[in-house]
Amino acid sequence: MEVRANEPMARHVTWRAGGPVAKAAFPCDLNDLATFMATLRHDEPLLMVGLGSNLLIRDNGFDGTAIFTHGALATLRLEADGAIYAEAGVASPKVARFAANQHRSGAEFLAGIPGTLGGALAMNAGCHGGEIWAYVERVRMLNRRGELIDRTPDEFAISYRHCGLKAATDEIFVAAWLRFPAGDQETARALIKQLLEKRIATQPLQLPNAGSVFRNPPGDYAARLIEAAGLKGVDIGGARVSEKHANFIVNPNGKASASAIESLIGRIQAEVQQHFGIELVREVRVLGASH
């Protein structure tokens, strides 16, 4: 286990902005992480970081421990009963490709999610009509005492872009068993290719971004509302509403501070509320001291 003090999070989040975390832990594998968890104070603020998409740490930093799962929780395999076992640090697109190669269908949408399986589980990630929890058979959790617990979906409150345990709060996702129906490998691979091409064509992937900033409100699209409010291209301190996709905030030169990005988020919410009476709900997590 490598542990670093005052680790700058701009190195680790896809926005390339933000302050430091007090402690950054880089486990070797699941056993290493379980041992480490048992050493933490029971009230230690904890942050799980996968690929750093969907996350912003305020400039003053996060006074707690960040655990980096990508590369550590990396096991991905087909079980004897046909389920796919994937640990939380595996990138979602990798799960999509693996499922296709195992002649499964339904996992293709995961190719469009720019994060790890752990993040996908925690926020019930989805796109192109698919949501991760529709395919979860059971999950493996880890608590603050370093104990592994297997749970089933009925133990969670699951909704659009949300997932929470009904009866416990100190557990984190470390793995899941996913079950996808049998399908044709070539068809699945072709669909993944098509989804990725669409992503490249419609999203500003060449610039630092954190994916979709806001949830889509019922019956509408956040991007449509933001564009209709005339906000495409609006810039605050180097943070800019993407001209390519209005539900993305980009940091073209890597110069924007976390507070500039958060200010732009607030401005978008205020103007959409003013124009349309709709409250846009953030999809990205913003953490840390605000002053």
C-alpha atoms as a PDB file:
ATOM      1  CA  MET A   1       0.000   0.000   0.000  1.00  0.00           C
ATOM      2  CA  GLU A   2       1.403   3.363  -1.036  1.00  0.00           C
ATOM      3  CA  VAL A   3       0.085   6.319   0.976  1.00  0.00           C
ATOM      4  CA  ARG A   4       0.847   9.933   0.042  1.00  0.00           C
ATOM      5  CA  ALA A   5       0.109  13.121   2.002  1.00  0.00           C
ATOM      6  CA  ASN A   6      -1.436  16.229   0.405  1.00  0.00           C
ATOM      7  CA  GLU A   7      -1.842  14.643  -3.004  1.00  0.00           C
ATOM      8  CA  PRO A   8      -2.957  17.184  -5.679  1.00  0.00           C
ATOM      9  CA  MET A   9      -6.224  15.917  -7.166  1.00  0.00           C
ATOM     10  CA  ALA A  10      -5.753  17.881 -10.391  1.00  0.00           C
ATOM     11  CA  ARG A  11      -3.406  15.016 -11.345  1.00  0.00           C
ATOM     12  CA  HIS A  12      -6.161  12.454 -10.890  1.00  0.00           C
ATOM     13  CA  VAL A  13      -9.466  13.973 -12.020  1.00  0.00           C
ATOM     14  CA  THR A  14     -10.397  14.301 -15.681  1.00  0.00           C
ATOM     15  CA  TRP A  15     -11.137  18.036 -15.282  1.00  0.00           C
ATOM     16  CA  ARG A  16      -7.436  18.544 -14.438  1.00  0.00           C
ATOM     17  CA  ALA A  17      -8.438  20.948 -11.653  1.00  0.00           C
ATOM     18  CA  GLY A  18      -8.921  20.976  -7.914  1.00  0.00           C
ATOM     19  CA  GLY A  19      -7.162  20.963  -4.558  1.00  0.00           C
ATOM     20  CA  PRO A  20      -5.303  18.255  -2.631  1.00  0.00           C
ATOM     21  CA  VAL A  21      -6.553  15.363  -0.504  1.00  0.00           C
ATOM     22  CA  ALA A  22      -5.026  15.028   2.979  1.00  0.00           C
ATOM     23  CA  LYS A  23      -4.161  11.384   2.339  1.00  0.00           C
ATOM     24  CA  ALA A  24      -4.117   9.347  -0.872  1.00  0.00           C
ATOM     25  CA  ALA A  25      -4.009   5.552  -0.680  1.00  0.00           C
ATOM     26  CA  PHE A  26      -3.009   3.330  -3.598  1.00  0.00           C
ATOM     27  CA  PRO A  27      -3.758  -0.304  -2.675  1.00  0.00           C
ATOM     28  CA  CYS A  28      -2.183  -3.244  -4.515  1.00  0.00           C
ATOM     29  CA  ASP A  29      -5.324  -5.399  -4.543  1.00  0.00           C
ATOM     30  CA  LEU A  30      -8.554  -6.128  -2.672  1.00  0.00           C
ATOM     31  CA  ASN A  31      -6.830  -7.799   0.298  1.00  0.00           C
ATOM     32  CA  ASP A  32      -4.479  -4.838   0.651  1.00  0.00           C
ATOM     33  CA  LEU A  33      -7.463  -2.463   0.629  1.00  0.00           C
ATOM     34  CA  ALA A  34      -9.367  -4.543   3.222  1.00  0.00           C
ATOM     35  CA  THR A  35      -6.360  -4.483   5.557  1.00  0.00           C
ATOM     36  CA  PHE A  36      -6.011  -0.704   5.097  1.00  0.00           C
ATOM     37  CA  MET A  37      -9.715  -0.047   5.724  1.00  0.00           C
ATOM     38  CA  ALA A  38      -9.451  -1.750   9.109  1.00  0.00           C
ATOM     39  CA  THR A  39      -6.774   0.782  10.156  1.00  0.00           C
ATOM     40  CA  LEU A  40      -8.908   3.875   9.439  1.00  0.00           C
ATOM     41  CA  ARG A  41     -10.815   5.823  12.071  1.00  0.00           C
ATOM     42  CA  HIS A  42     -14.495   4.903  11.894  1.00  0.00           C
ATOM     43  CA  ASP A  43     -15.355   8.551  11.127  1.00  0.00           C
ATOM     44  CA  GLU A  44     -12.548   9.169   8.613  1.00  0.00           C
ATOM     45  CA  PRO A  45     -13.962  11.018   5.574  1.00  0.00           C
ATOM     46  CA  LEU A  46     -13.463   8.622   2.685  1.00  0.00           C
ATOM     47  CA  LEU A  47     -13.451   9.177  -1.063  1.00  0.00           C
ATOM     48  CA  MET A  48     -13.310   6.390  -3.628  1.00  0.00           C
ATOM     49  CA  VAL A  49     -11.610   7.434  -6.873  1.00  0.00           C
ATOM     50  CA  GLY A  50     -11.660   5.388 -10.063  1.00  0.00           C
ATOM     51  CA  LEU A  51     -10.701   7.178 -13.262  1.00  0.00           C
ATOM     52  CA  GLY A  52     -11.469  10.600 -11.764  1.00  0.00           C
ATOM     53  CA  SER A  53     -14.374  11.398 -14.072  1.00  0.00           C
ATOM     54  CA  ASN A  54     -17.515  12.846 -12.535  1.00  0.00           C
ATOM     55  CA  LEU A  55     -15.507  14.386  -9.657  1.00  0.00           C
ATOM     56  CA  LEU A  56     -14.271  17.803  -8.537  1.00  0.00           C
ATOM     57  CA  ILE A  57     -12.326  18.539  -5.335  1.00  0.00           C
ATOM     58  CA  ARG A  58     -12.611  22.175  -4.265  1.00  0.00           C
ATOM     59  CA  ASP A  59      -9.421  24.273  -4.285  1.00  0.00           C
ATOM     60  CA  ASN A  60      -9.023  24.122  -0.489  1.00  0.00           C
ATOM     61  CA  GLY A  61      -8.898  20.346  -0.712  1.00  0.00           C
ATOM     62  CA  PHE A  62     -10.535  17.341   0.924  1.00  0.00           C
ATOM     63  CA  ASP A  63      -9.630  16.679   4.560  1.00  0.00           C
ATOM     64  CA  GLY A  64      -9.845  12.917   4.424  1.00  0.00           C
ATOM     65  CA  THR A  65      -8.545   9.834   2.645  1.00  0.00           C
ATOM     66  CA  ALA A  66      -8.907   9.145  -1.069  1.00  0.00           C
ATOM     67  CA  ILE A  67      -8.599   5.521  -2.154  1.00  0.00           C
ATOM     68  CA  PHE A  68      -7.581   4.928  -5.770  1.00  0.00           C
ATOM     69  CA  THR A  69      -9.111   1.737  -7.153  1.00  0.00           C
ATOM     70  CA  HIS A  70      -8.126   1.759 -10.836  1.00  0.00           C
ATOM     71  CA  GLY A  71      -5.322  -0.731 -11.414  1.00  0.00           C
ATOM     72  CA  ALA A  72      -5.798  -2.183  -7.918  1.00  0.00           C
ATOM     73  CA  LEU A  73      -9.305  -3.655  -8.056  1.00  0.00           C
ATOM     74  CA  ALA A  74      -8.718  -4.968 -11.552  1.00  0.00           C
ATOM     75  CA  THR A  75     -10.005  -8.567 -11.661  1.00  0.00           C
ATOM     76  CA  LEU A  76     -12.383  -9.340 -14.529  1.00  0.00           C
ATOM     77  CA  ARG A  77     -13.466 -12.920 -15.239  1.00  0.00           C
ATOM     78  CA  LEU A  78     -16.262 -15.192 -16.417  1.00  0.00           C
ATOM     79  CA  GLU A  79     -17.648 -17.392 -13.637  1.00  0.00           C
ATOM     80  CA  ALA A  80     -18.585 -21.054 -14.140  1.00  0.00           C
ATOM     81  CA  ASP A  81     -22.294 -20.139 -13.950  1.00  0.00           C
ATOM     82  CA  GLY A  82     -21.968 -17.571 -16.752  1.00  0.00           C
ATOM     83  CA  ALA A  83     -21.957 -14.421 -14.599  1.00  0.00           C
ATOM     84  CA  ILE A  84     -19.243 -11.821 -15.163  1.00  0.00           C
ATOM     85  CA  TYR A  85     -17.266 -10.939 -12.035  1.00  0.00           C
ATOM     86  CA  ALA A  86     -15.693  -7.490 -12.173  1.00  0.00           C
ATOM     87  CA  GLU A  87     -13.912  -5.553  -9.449  1.00  0.00           C
ATOM     88  CA  ALA A  88     -14.680  -1.893  -8.849  1.00  0.00           C
ATOM     89  CA  GLY A  89     -11.511  -0.525 -10.447  1.00  0.00           C
ATOM     90  CA  VAL A  90     -12.199  -2.029 -13.884  1.00  0.00           C
ATOM     91  CA  ALA A  91     -13.077   0.608 -16.503  1.00  0.00           C
ATOM     92  CA  SER A  92     -16.694   0.337 -17.670  1.00  0.00           C
ATOM     93  CA  PRO A  93     -15.727   0.176 -21.390  1.00  0.00           C
ATOM     94  CA  LYS A  94     -13.484  -2.803 -20.588  1.00  0.00           C
ATOM     95  CA  VAL A  95     -16.489  -4.613 -19.073  1.00  0.00           C
ATOM     96  CA  ALA A  96     -18.451  -3.871 -22.268  1.00  0.00           C
ATOM     97  CA  ARG A  97     -15.743  -5.362 -24.493  1.00  0.00           C
ATOM     98  CA  PHE A  98     -15.255  -8.388 -22.227  1.00  0.00           C
ATOM     99  CA  ALA A  99     -18.996  -9.132 -22.234  1.00  0.00           C
ATOM    100  CA  ALA A 100     -19.098  -8.900 -26.043  1.00  0.00           C
ATOM    101  CA  ASN A 101     -16.152 -11.294 -26.328  1.00  0.00           C
ATOM    102  CA  GLN A 102     -18.014 -13.727 -24.057  1.00  0.00           C
ATOM    103  CA  HIS A 103     -20.990 -13.667 -26.466  1.00  0.00           C
ATOM    104  CA  ARG A 104     -23.182 -11.564 -24.176  1.00  0.00           C
ATOM    105  CA  SER A 105     -25.509  -8.736 -25.177  1.00  0.00           C
ATOM    106  CA  GLY A 106     -26.785  -5.754 -23.196  1.00  0.00           C
ATOM    107  CA  ALA A 107     -23.449  -4.527 -21.842  1.00  0.00           C
ATOM    108  CA  GLU A 108     -22.646  -2.356 -24.868  1.00  0.00           C
ATOM    109  CA  PHE A 109     -23.891   0.868 -23.217  1.00  0.00           C
ATOM    110  CA  LEU A 110     -21.033   0.580 -20.683  1.00  0.00           C
ATOM    111  CA  ALA A 111     -18.627   1.497 -23.496  1.00  0.00           C
ATOM    112  CA  GLY A 112     -20.035   5.034 -23.320  1.00  0.00           C
ATOM    113  CA  ILE A 113     -19.419   5.500 -19.582  1.00  0.00           C
ATOM    114  CA  PRO A 114     -16.025   7.140 -18.903  1.00  0.00           C
ATOM    115  CA  GLY A 115     -15.394   5.683 -15.446  1.00  0.00           C
ATOM    116  CA  THR A 116     -14.925   2.513 -13.451  1.00  0.00           C
ATOM    117  CA  LEU A 117     -17.470  -0.110 -12.473  1.00  0.00           C
ATOM    118  CA  GLY A 118     -17.382   1.111  -8.851  1.00  0.00           C
ATOM    119  CA  GLY A 119     -18.474   4.582  -9.893  1.00  0.00           C
ATOM    120  CA  ALA A 120     -21.092   3.127 -12.236  1.00  0.00           C
ATOM    121  CA  LEU A 121     -22.587   1.086  -9.374  1.00  0.00           C
ATOM    122  CA  ALA A 122     -22.533   4.010  -6.934  1.00  0.00           C
ATOM    123  CA  MET A 123     -24.518   6.289  -9.245  1.00  0.00           C
ATOM    124  CA  ASN A 124     -26.497   3.723 -11.255  1.00  0.00           C
ATOM    125  CA  ALA A 125     -24.722   4.938 -14.372  1.00  0.00           C
ATOM    126  CA  GLY A 126     -26.372   4.555 -17.736  1.00  0.00           C
ATOM    127  CA  CYS A 127     -26.606   5.820 -21.278  1.00  0.00           C
ATOM    128  CA  HIS A 128     -28.228   4.830 -24.565  1.00  0.00           C
ATOM    129  CA  GLY A 129     -31.164   3.307 -22.689  1.00  0.00           C
ATOM    130  CA  GLY A 130     -29.149   0.993 -20.420  1.00  0.00           C
ATOM    131  CA  GLU A 131     -28.520   1.207 -16.654  1.00  0.00           C
ATOM    132  CA  ILE A 132     -25.954  -0.866 -14.773  1.00  0.00           C
ATOM    133  CA  TRP A 133     -28.233  -2.073 -11.964  1.00  0.00           C
ATOM    134  CA  ALA A 134     -30.547  -3.788 -14.464  1.00  0.00           C
ATOM    135  CA  TYR A 135     -27.769  -6.394 -14.844  1.00  0.00           C
ATOM    136  CA  VAL A 136     -26.442  -6.701 -11.285  1.00  0.00           C
ATOM    137  CA  GLU A 137     -26.938 -10.123  -9.692  1.00  0.00           C
ATOM    138  CA  ARG A 138     -25.062  -9.293  -6.508  1.00  0.00           C
ATOM    139  CA  VAL A 139     -22.299  -6.998  -5.286  1.00  0.00           C
ATOM    140  CA  ARG A 140     -19.378  -7.309  -2.913  1.00  0.00           C
ATOM    141  CA  MET A 141     -19.032  -4.545  -0.336  1.00  0.00           C
ATOM    142  CA  LEU A 142     -16.229  -3.658   2.065  1.00  0.00           C
ATOM    143  CA  ASN A 143     -16.874  -2.013   5.426  1.00  0.00           C
ATOM    144  CA  ARG A 144     -14.690   0.086   7.747  1.00  0.00           C
ATOM    145  CA  ARG A 145     -13.658  -3.001   9.700  1.00  0.00           C
ATOM    146  CA  GLY A 146     -12.144  -4.528   6.560  1.00  0.00           C
ATOM    147  CA  GLU A 147     -14.944  -7.106   6.237  1.00  0.00           C
ATOM    148  CA  LEU A 148     -16.283  -8.228   2.850  1.00  0.00           C
ATOM    149  CA  ILE A 149     -20.072  -8.562   2.544  1.00  0.00           C
ATOM    150  CA  ASP A 150     -22.026  -9.847  -0.457  1.00  0.00           C
ATOM    151  CA  ARG A 151     -25.356  -8.113  -1.063  1.00  0.00           C
ATOM    152  CA  THR A 152     -28.241  -8.404  -3.525  1.00  0.00           C
ATOM    153  CA  PRO A 153     -29.994  -5.562  -5.382  1.00  0.00           C
ATOM    154  CA  ASP A 154     -33.047  -5.673  -3.097  1.00  0.00           C
ATOM    155  CA  GLU A 155     -30.870  -4.331  -0.278  1.00  0.00           C
ATOM    156  CA  PHE A 156     -30.380  -1.053  -2.174  1.00  0.00           C
ATOM    157  CA  ALA A 157     -32.587   1.920  -2.997  1.00  0.00           C
ATOM    158  CA  ILE A 158     -31.966   2.334  -6.727  1.00  0.00           C
ATOM    159  CA  SER A 159     -33.270   5.097  -8.977  1.00  0.00           C
ATOM    160  CA  TYR A 160     -32.128   7.329 -11.844  1.00  0.00           C
ATOM    161  CA  ARG A 161     -28.431   8.142 -11.250  1.00  0.00           C
ATOM    162  CA  HIS A 162     -28.705   7.059  -7.619  1.00  0.00           C
ATOM    163  CA  CYS A 163     -27.952   3.994  -5.539  1.00  0.00           C
ATOM    164  CA  GLY A 164     -27.806   3.743  -1.764  1.00  0.00           C
ATOM    165  CA  LEU A 165     -27.851   0.956   0.805  1.00  0.00           C
ATOM    166  CA  LYS A 166     -31.113   0.828   2.733  1.00  0.00           C
ATOM    167  CA  ALA A 167     -29.584  -0.321   6.026  1.00  0.00           C
ATOM    168  CA  ALA A 168     -25.887   0.644   6.178  1.00  0.00           C
ATOM    169  CA  THR A 169     -23.718   3.596   5.236  1.00  0.00           C
ATOM    170  CA  ASP A 170     -20.089   2.659   5.894  1.00  0.00           C
ATOM    171  CA  GLU A 171     -19.671   0.193   3.017  1.00  0.00           C
ATOM    172  CA  ILE A 172     -18.033   0.704  -0.366  1.00  0.00           C
ATOM    173  CA  PHE A 173     -18.413  -1.218  -3.625  1.00  0.00           C
ATOM    174  CA  VAL A 174     -15.447  -3.445  -4.408  1.00  0.00           C
ATOM    175  CA  ALA A 175     -16.905  -5.889  -6.974  1.00  0.00           C
ATOM    176  CA  ALA A 176     -20.058  -7.078  -8.707  1.00  0.00           C
ATOM    177  CA  TRP A 177     -21.453 -10.133 -10.453  1.00  0.00           C
ATOM    178  CA  LEU A 178     -23.209  -9.034 -13.638  1.00  0.00           C
ATOM    179  CA  ARG A 179     -25.479 -11.209 -15.736  1.00  0.00           C
ATOM    180  CA  PHE A 180     -26.097 -10.377 -19.372  1.00  0.00           C
ATOM    181  CA  PRO A 181     -28.210 -12.421 -21.789  1.00  0.00           C
ATOM    182  CA  ALA A 182     -26.560 -14.520 -24.482  1.00  0.00           C
ATOM    183  CA  GLY A 183     -25.873 -12.615 -27.671  1.00  0.00           C
ATOM    184  CA  ASP A 184     -23.827 -12.467 -30.816  1.00  0.00           C
ATOM    185  CA  GLN A 185     -20.214 -11.346 -30.412  1.00  0.00           C
ATOM    186  CA  GLU A 186     -19.980  -9.525 -33.742  1.00  0.00           C
ATOM    187  CA  THR A 187     -23.287  -7.705 -33.229  1.00  0.00           C
ATOM    188  CA  ALA A 188     -22.218  -6.566 -29.755  1.00  0.00           C
ATOM    189  CA  ARG A 189     -18.812  -5.416 -31.008  1.00  0.00           C
ATOM    190  CA  ALA A 190     -20.406  -3.501 -33.882  1.00  0.00           C
ATOM    191  CA  LEU A 191     -22.783  -1.754 -31.462  1.00  0.00           C
ATOM    192  CA  ILE A 192     -19.888  -0.788 -29.163  1.00  0.00           C
ATOM    193  CA  LYS A 193     -18.018   0.659 -32.166  1.00  0.00           C
ATOM    194  CA  GLN A 194     -21.131   2.592 -33.195  1.00  0.00           C
ATOM    195  CA  LEU A 195     -21.656   3.998 -29.664  1.00  0.00           C
ATOM    196  CA  LEU A 196     -18.015   5.070 -29.402  1.00  0.00           C
ATOM    197  CA  GLU A 197     -18.126   6.764 -32.805  1.00  0.00           C
ATOM    198  CA  LYS A 198     -21.258   8.646 -31.728  1.00  0.00           C
ATOM    199  CA  ARG A 199     -19.522   9.687 -28.499  1.00  0.00           C
ATOM    200  CA  ILE A 200     -16.487  11.001 -30.374  1.00  0.00           C
ATOM    201  CA  ALA A 201     -18.738  12.892 -32.802  1.00  0.00           C
ATOM    202  CA  THR A 202     -20.956  14.524 -30.161  1.00  0.00           C
ATOM    203  CA  GLN A 203     -18.779  15.013 -27.053  1.00  0.00           C
ATOM    204  CA  PRO A 204     -15.671  17.194 -26.453  1.00  0.00           C
ATOM    205  CA  LEU A 205     -13.474  14.218 -25.557  1.00  0.00           C
ATOM    206  CA  GLN A 206     -10.235  15.883 -26.668  1.00  0.00           C
ATOM    207  CA  LEU A 207     -10.538  18.512 -23.898  1.00  0.00           C
ATOM    208  CA  PRO A 208     -10.410  17.975 -20.104  1.00  0.00           C
ATOM    209  CA  ASN A 209     -13.994  17.343 -18.967  1.00  0.00           C
ATOM    210  CA  ALA A 210     -15.886  15.302 -16.380  1.00  0.00           C
ATOM    211  CA  GLY A 211     -18.617  13.823 -18.535  1.00  0.00           C
ATOM    212  CA  SER A 212     -22.206  15.030 -18.244  1.00  0.00           C
ATOM    213  CA  VAL A 213     -22.432  17.733 -15.573  1.00  0.00           C
ATOM    214  CA  PHE A 214     -26.188  17.546 -14.956  1.00  0.00           C
ATOM    215  CA  ARG A 215     -28.807  14.830 -14.834  1.00  0.00           C
ATOM    216  CA  ASN A 216     -31.448  14.997 -17.535  1.00  0.00           C
ATOM    217  CA  PRO A 217     -34.687  16.359 -16.035  1.00  0.00           C
ATOM    218  CA  PRO A 218     -37.808  14.216 -16.565  1.00  0.00           C
ATOM    219  CA  GLY A 219     -38.881  14.283 -20.203  1.00  0.00           C
ATOM    220  CA  ASP A 220     -36.121  16.638 -21.330  1.00  0.00           C
ATOM    221  CA  TYR A 221     -32.374  16.952 -21.836  1.00  0.00           C
ATOM    222  CA  ALA A 222     -30.044  19.135 -19.788  1.00  0.00           C
ATOM    223  CA  ALA A 223     -27.982  19.922 -22.908  1.00  0.00           C
ATOM    224  CA  ARG A 224     -31.057  21.224 -24.754  1.00  0.00           C
ATOM    225  CA  LEU A 225     -32.013  23.512 -21.870  1.00  0.00           C
ATOM    226  CA  ILE A 226     -28.484  24.868 -21.442  1.00  0.00           C
ATOM    227  CA  GLU A 227     -28.175  25.577 -25.172  1.00  0.00           C
ATOM    228  CA  ALA A 228     -31.639  27.158 -25.296  1.00  0.00           C
ATOM    229  CA  ALA A 229     -30.597  29.462 -22.429  1.00  0.00           C
ATOM    230  CA  GLY A 230     -27.794  30.739 -24.686  1.00  0.00           C
ATOM    231  CA  LEU A 231     -24.973  29.359 -22.561  1.00  0.00           C
ATOM    232  CA  LYS A 232     -22.883  27.449 -25.100  1.00  0.00           C
ATOM    233  CA  GLY A 233     -19.333  28.850 -25.067  1.00  0.00           C
ATOM    234  CA  VAL A 234     -19.805  30.841 -21.846  1.00  0.00           C
ATOM    235  CA  ASP A 235     -16.485  31.019 -19.974  1.00  0.00           C
ATOM    236  CA  ILE A 236     -15.623  31.689 -16.333  1.00  0.00           C
ATOM    237  CA  GLY A 237     -11.935  31.721 -15.435  1.00  0.00           C
ATOM    238  CA  GLY A 238     -10.995  29.268 -18.190  1.00  0.00           C
ATOM    239  CA  ALA A 239     -13.888  26.879 -17.508  1.00  0.00           C
ATOM    240  CA  ARG A 240     -16.202  26.832 -20.523  1.00  0.00           C
ATOM    241  CA  VAL A 241     -19.558  25.396 -21.548  1.00  0.00           C
ATOM    242  CA  SER A 242     -18.637  23.165 -24.473  1.00  0.00           C
ATOM    243  CA  GLU A 243     -19.731  24.336 -27.909  1.00  0.00           C
ATOM    244  CA  LYS A 244     -19.916  20.682 -28.944  1.00  0.00           C
ATOM    245  CA  HIS A 245     -22.187  19.455 -26.140  1.00  0.00           C
ATOM    246  CA  ALA A 246     -23.787  21.934 -23.736  1.00  0.00           C
ATOM    247  CA  ASN A 247     -23.981  19.461 -20.824  1.00  0.00           C
ATOM    248  CA  PHE A 248     -20.178  19.345 -20.723  1.00  0.00           C
ATOM    249  CA  ILE A 249     -17.919  21.887 -19.033  1.00  0.00           C
ATOM    250  CA  VAL A 250     -14.406  21.828 -20.469  1.00  0.00           C
ATOM    251  CA  ASN A 251     -11.088  23.101 -19.136  1.00  0.00           C
ATOM    252  CA  PRO A 252      -9.268  23.631 -22.461  1.00  0.00           C
ATOM    253  CA  ASN A 253      -5.929  24.881 -21.144  1.00  0.00           C
ATOM    254  CA  GLY A 254      -6.021  23.130 -17.779  1.00  0.00           C
ATOM    255  CA  LYS A 255      -5.937  26.608 -16.193  1.00  0.00           C
ATOM    256  CA  ALA A 256      -9.411  26.707 -14.613  1.00  0.00           C
ATOM    257  CA  SER A 257      -9.627  26.430 -10.826  1.00  0.00           C
ATOM    258  CA  ALA A 258     -12.181  24.208  -9.139  1.00  0.00           C
ATOM    259  CA  SER A 259     -13.980  27.353  -7.952  1.00  0.00           C
ATOM    260  CA  ALA A 260     -14.232  28.634 -11.548  1.00  0.00           C
ATOM    261  CA  ILE A 261     -15.808  25.328 -12.626  1.00  0.00           C
ATOM    262  CA  GLU A 262     -18.190  25.393  -9.654  1.00  0.00           C
ATOM    263  CA  SER A 263     -19.114  29.015 -10.412  1.00  0.00           C
ATOM    264  CA  LEU A 264     -19.956  28.071 -13.984  1.00  0.00           C
ATOM    265  CA  ILE A 265     -22.087  25.159 -12.735  1.00  0.00           C
ATOM    266  CA  GLY A 266     -23.966  27.604 -10.491  1.00  0.00           C
ATOM    267  CA  ARG A 267     -24.476  30.094 -13.320  1.00  0.00           C
ATOM    268  CA  ILE A 268     -25.895  27.386 -15.599  1.00  0.00           C
ATOM    269  CA  GLN A 269     -28.314  26.273 -12.875  1.00  0.00           C
ATOM    270  CA  ALA A 270     -29.420  29.846 -12.172  1.00  0.00           C
ATOM    271  CA  GLU A 271     -30.018  30.742 -15.831  1.00  0.00           C
ATOM    272  CA  VAL A 272     -31.868  27.530 -16.692  1.00  0.00           C
ATOM    273  CA  GLN A 273     -34.033  28.059 -13.603  1.00  0.00           C
ATOM    274  CA  GLN A 274     -34.687  31.665 -14.652  1.00  0.00           C
ATOM    275  CA  HIS A 275     -35.507  30.819 -18.288  1.00  0.00           C
ATOM    276  CA  PHE A 276     -37.469  27.599 -17.857  1.00  0.00           C
ATOM    277  CA  GLY A 277     -38.295  27.195 -14.159  1.00  0.00           C
ATOM    278  CA  ILE A 278     -36.373  23.892 -14.141  1.00  0.00           C
ATOM    279  CA  GLU A 279     -33.807  23.040 -11.480  1.00  0.00           C
ATOM    280  CA  LEU A 280     -30.864  21.196 -13.002  1.00  0.00           C
ATOM    281  CA  VAL A 281     -29.427  18.618 -10.600  1.00  0.00           C
ATOM    282  CA  ARG A 282     -25.676  18.055 -10.662  1.00  0.00           C
ATOM    283  CA  GLU A 283     -24.488  14.636 -11.763  1.00  0.00           C
ATOM    284  CA  VAL A 284     -20.856  15.387 -10.908  1.00  0.00           C
ATOM    285  CA  ARG A 285     -19.707  15.155  -7.290  1.00  0.00           C
ATOM    286  CA  VAL A 286     -18.200  18.324  -5.786  1.00  0.00           C
ATOM    287  CA  LEU A 287     -16.397  17.703  -2.501  1.00  0.00           C
ATOM    288  CA  GLY A 288     -14.138  19.525  -0.063  1.00  0.00           C
ATOM    289  CA  ALA A 289     -14.084  22.678   2.013  1.00  0.00           C
ATOM    290  CA  SER A 290     -15.778  25.607   0.285  1.00  0.00           C
ATOM    291  CA  HIS A 291     -13.768  28.294   2.121  1.00  0.00           C
END
